[in-house]
Amino acid sequence: MPVKETSIEAYLEHINSGAALRQRERVFVVIHDQTNDGVPVNRNQLCALTGLRINVICGRVNELMEMNLVETNYKAVDPDGPGKTPVEYLETVPITHEAVQGKLL
């Protein structure tokens, strides 16, 4: 199904405005903090912790995974979630501070 031109324009504006970068950094920091606390987090939990919508969370998590900054720790049913399908619990990949700065910017 082709994407409407207005959707493409809105996406490009979102990228060019820096909003996507700020969201990605926000999501990364929460995942990183949870990882440091020894508590991997799933996407629904990220929504609650950041106040961002699930579609935003999924997009930013996918970007972070493509950048090798975040990975799946394990899959399990979310006891607070609506279904019985296992969800991914995420953690940050151990790398240096400089590498993170270079990848996020």
C-alpha atoms as a PDB file:
ATOM      1  CA  MET A   1       0.000   0.000   0.000  1.00  0.00           C
ATOM      2  CA  PRO A   2       1.530   3.341  -1.016  1.00  0.00           C
ATOM      3  CA  VAL A   3       2.175   5.934   1.667  1.00  0.00           C
ATOM      4  CA  LYS A   4       0.359   9.192   1.125  1.00  0.00           C
ATOM      5  CA  GLU A   5       2.505  12.167   0.249  1.00  0.00           C
ATOM      6  CA  THR A   6       1.294  14.057   3.329  1.00  0.00           C
ATOM      7  CA  SER A   7       2.467  11.170   5.548  1.00  0.00           C
ATOM      8  CA  ILE A   8       5.916  11.279   3.983  1.00  0.00           C
ATOM      9  CA  GLU A   9       6.062  15.051   4.410  1.00  0.00           C
ATOM     10  CA  ALA A  10       4.995  14.787   8.061  1.00  0.00           C
ATOM     11  CA  TYR A  11       7.611  12.097   8.701  1.00  0.00           C
ATOM     12  CA  LEU A  12      10.376  14.172   7.122  1.00  0.00           C
ATOM     13  CA  GLU A  13       9.332  17.222   9.153  1.00  0.00           C
ATOM     14  CA  HIS A  14       9.409  15.091  12.315  1.00  0.00           C
ATOM     15  CA  ILE A  15      12.968  14.019  11.487  1.00  0.00           C
ATOM     16  CA  ASN A  16      14.152  17.459  10.380  1.00  0.00           C
ATOM     17  CA  SER A  17      12.699  19.220  13.437  1.00  0.00           C
ATOM     18  CA  GLY A  18      14.803  17.060  15.768  1.00  0.00           C
ATOM     19  CA  ALA A  19      11.730  15.620  17.520  1.00  0.00           C
ATOM     20  CA  ALA A  20      12.621  12.041  16.571  1.00  0.00           C
ATOM     21  CA  LEU A  21      16.140  12.486  17.973  1.00  0.00           C
ATOM     22  CA  ARG A  22      14.831  13.858  21.269  1.00  0.00           C
ATOM     23  CA  GLN A  23      12.352  10.977  21.527  1.00  0.00           C
ATOM     24  CA  ARG A  24      15.057   8.418  20.718  1.00  0.00           C
ATOM     25  CA  GLU A  25      17.333   9.871  23.410  1.00  0.00           C
ATOM     26  CA  ARG A  26      14.481   9.871  25.931  1.00  0.00           C
ATOM     27  CA  VAL A  27      13.624   6.227  25.221  1.00  0.00           C
ATOM     28  CA  PHE A  28      17.296   5.229  25.348  1.00  0.00           C
ATOM     29  CA  VAL A  29      17.823   6.900  28.734  1.00  0.00           C
ATOM     30  CA  VAL A  30      14.835   5.078  30.250  1.00  0.00           C
ATOM     31  CA  ILE A  31      15.969   1.700  28.872  1.00  0.00           C
ATOM     32  CA  HIS A  32      19.520   2.419  30.081  1.00  0.00           C
ATOM     33  CA  ASP A  33      18.333   3.391  33.578  1.00  0.00           C
ATOM     34  CA  GLN A  34      16.163   0.273  33.801  1.00  0.00           C
ATOM     35  CA  THR A  35      19.089  -1.879  32.606  1.00  0.00           C
ATOM     36  CA  ASN A  36      21.358  -0.359  35.277  1.00  0.00           C
ATOM     37  CA  ASP A  37      18.694  -1.197  37.860  1.00  0.00           C
ATOM     38  CA  GLY A  38      18.648  -4.790  36.584  1.00  0.00           C
ATOM     39  CA  VAL A  39      15.074  -4.486  35.326  1.00  0.00           C
ATOM     40  CA  PRO A  40      14.599  -4.903  31.559  1.00  0.00           C
ATOM     41  CA  VAL A  41      11.579  -2.999  30.270  1.00  0.00           C
ATOM     42  CA  ASN A  42       8.996  -3.716  27.568  1.00  0.00           C
ATOM     43  CA  ARG A  43       7.417  -1.293  25.116  1.00  0.00           C
ATOM     44  CA  ASN A  44       4.178  -0.896  27.105  1.00  0.00           C
ATOM     45  CA  GLN A  45       6.190  -0.053  30.195  1.00  0.00           C
ATOM     46  CA  LEU A  46       8.176   2.462  28.155  1.00  0.00           C
ATOM     47  CA  CYS A  47       4.900   4.182  27.262  1.00  0.00           C
ATOM     48  CA  ALA A  48       4.066   4.555  30.945  1.00  0.00           C
ATOM     49  CA  LEU A  49       7.575   5.686  31.890  1.00  0.00           C
ATOM     50  CA  THR A  50       7.989   8.238  29.083  1.00  0.00           C
ATOM     51  CA  GLY A  51       4.440   9.380  28.370  1.00  0.00           C
ATOM     52  CA  LEU A  52       4.988   8.638  24.673  1.00  0.00           C
ATOM     53  CA  ARG A  53       2.453   6.746  22.542  1.00  0.00           C
ATOM     54  CA  ILE A  54       3.131   3.127  21.571  1.00  0.00           C
ATOM     55  CA  ASN A  55       3.686   3.974  17.891  1.00  0.00           C
ATOM     56  CA  VAL A  56       6.395   6.454  18.902  1.00  0.00           C
ATOM     57  CA  ILE A  57       7.977   3.952  21.304  1.00  0.00           C
ATOM     58  CA  CYS A  58       8.033   1.202  18.658  1.00  0.00           C
ATOM     59  CA  GLY A  59       9.650   3.490  16.096  1.00  0.00           C
ATOM     60  CA  ARG A  60      12.345   4.716  18.449  1.00  0.00           C
ATOM     61  CA  VAL A  61      13.056   1.221  19.832  1.00  0.00           C
ATOM     62  CA  ASN A  62      13.420  -0.111  16.283  1.00  0.00           C
ATOM     63  CA  GLU A  63      15.903   2.676  15.524  1.00  0.00           C
ATOM     64  CA  LEU A  64      17.879   1.931  18.695  1.00  0.00           C
ATOM     65  CA  MET A  65      17.947  -1.776  17.847  1.00  0.00           C
ATOM     66  CA  GLU A  66      19.169  -1.032  14.303  1.00  0.00           C
ATOM     67  CA  MET A  67      21.911   1.117  15.865  1.00  0.00           C
ATOM     68  CA  ASN A  68      22.904  -1.818  18.124  1.00  0.00           C
ATOM     69  CA  LEU A  69      22.263   0.256  21.248  1.00  0.00           C
ATOM     70  CA  VAL A  70      19.331  -1.837  22.522  1.00  0.00           C
ATOM     71  CA  GLU A  71      18.614  -5.565  22.386  1.00  0.00           C
ATOM     72  CA  THR A  72      16.029  -8.056  23.584  1.00  0.00           C
ATOM     73  CA  ASN A  73      16.936  -9.550  26.959  1.00  0.00           C
ATOM     74  CA  TYR A  74      14.068 -12.063  27.013  1.00  0.00           C
ATOM     75  CA  LYS A  75      10.427 -12.556  25.989  1.00  0.00           C
ATOM     76  CA  ALA A  76       7.612 -13.136  28.463  1.00  0.00           C
ATOM     77  CA  VAL A  77       3.928 -12.411  28.939  1.00  0.00           C
ATOM     78  CA  ASP A  78       3.453  -8.957  30.438  1.00  0.00           C
ATOM     79  CA  PRO A  79       1.385  -9.474  33.601  1.00  0.00           C
ATOM     80  CA  ASP A  80       0.035  -5.926  33.234  1.00  0.00           C
ATOM     81  CA  GLY A  81      -0.540  -6.221  29.482  1.00  0.00           C
ATOM     82  CA  PRO A  82      -3.800  -6.893  27.686  1.00  0.00           C
ATOM     83  CA  GLY A  83      -2.869 -10.211  26.088  1.00  0.00           C
ATOM     84  CA  LYS A  84      -1.155 -13.513  26.592  1.00  0.00           C
ATOM     85  CA  THR A  85       1.366 -13.075  23.789  1.00  0.00           C
ATOM     86  CA  PRO A  86       4.980 -12.811  24.987  1.00  0.00           C
ATOM     87  CA  VAL A  87       6.525  -9.370  24.626  1.00  0.00           C
ATOM     88  CA  GLU A  88      10.172  -8.368  24.366  1.00  0.00           C
ATOM     89  CA  TYR A  89      11.915  -7.052  27.448  1.00  0.00           C
ATOM     90  CA  LEU A  90      14.668  -4.673  26.382  1.00  0.00           C
ATOM     91  CA  GLU A  91      18.059  -3.692  27.711  1.00  0.00           C
ATOM     92  CA  THR A  92      20.904  -1.539  26.514  1.00  0.00           C
ATOM     93  CA  VAL A  93      23.957  -3.107  24.920  1.00  0.00           C
ATOM     94  CA  PRO A  94      27.135  -2.571  26.970  1.00  0.00           C
ATOM     95  CA  ILE A  95      29.199   0.007  25.059  1.00  0.00           C
ATOM     96  CA  THR A  96      31.248   3.095  25.869  1.00  0.00           C
ATOM     97  CA  HIS A  97      29.740   6.519  26.553  1.00  0.00           C
ATOM     98  CA  GLU A  98      31.526   7.948  23.502  1.00  0.00           C
ATOM     99  CA  ALA A  99      30.024   5.292  21.239  1.00  0.00           C
ATOM    100  CA  VAL A 100      26.528   6.104  22.496  1.00  0.00           C
ATOM    101  CA  GLN A 101      27.025   9.823  21.932  1.00  0.00           C
ATOM    102  CA  GLY A 102      28.263   9.181  18.413  1.00  0.00           C
ATOM    103  CA  LYS A 103      25.317   6.967  17.545  1.00  0.00           C
ATOM    104  CA  LEU A 104      22.548   9.053  19.111  1.00  0.00           C
ATOM    105  CA  LEU A 105      23.640  12.350  17.563  1.00  0.00           C
END
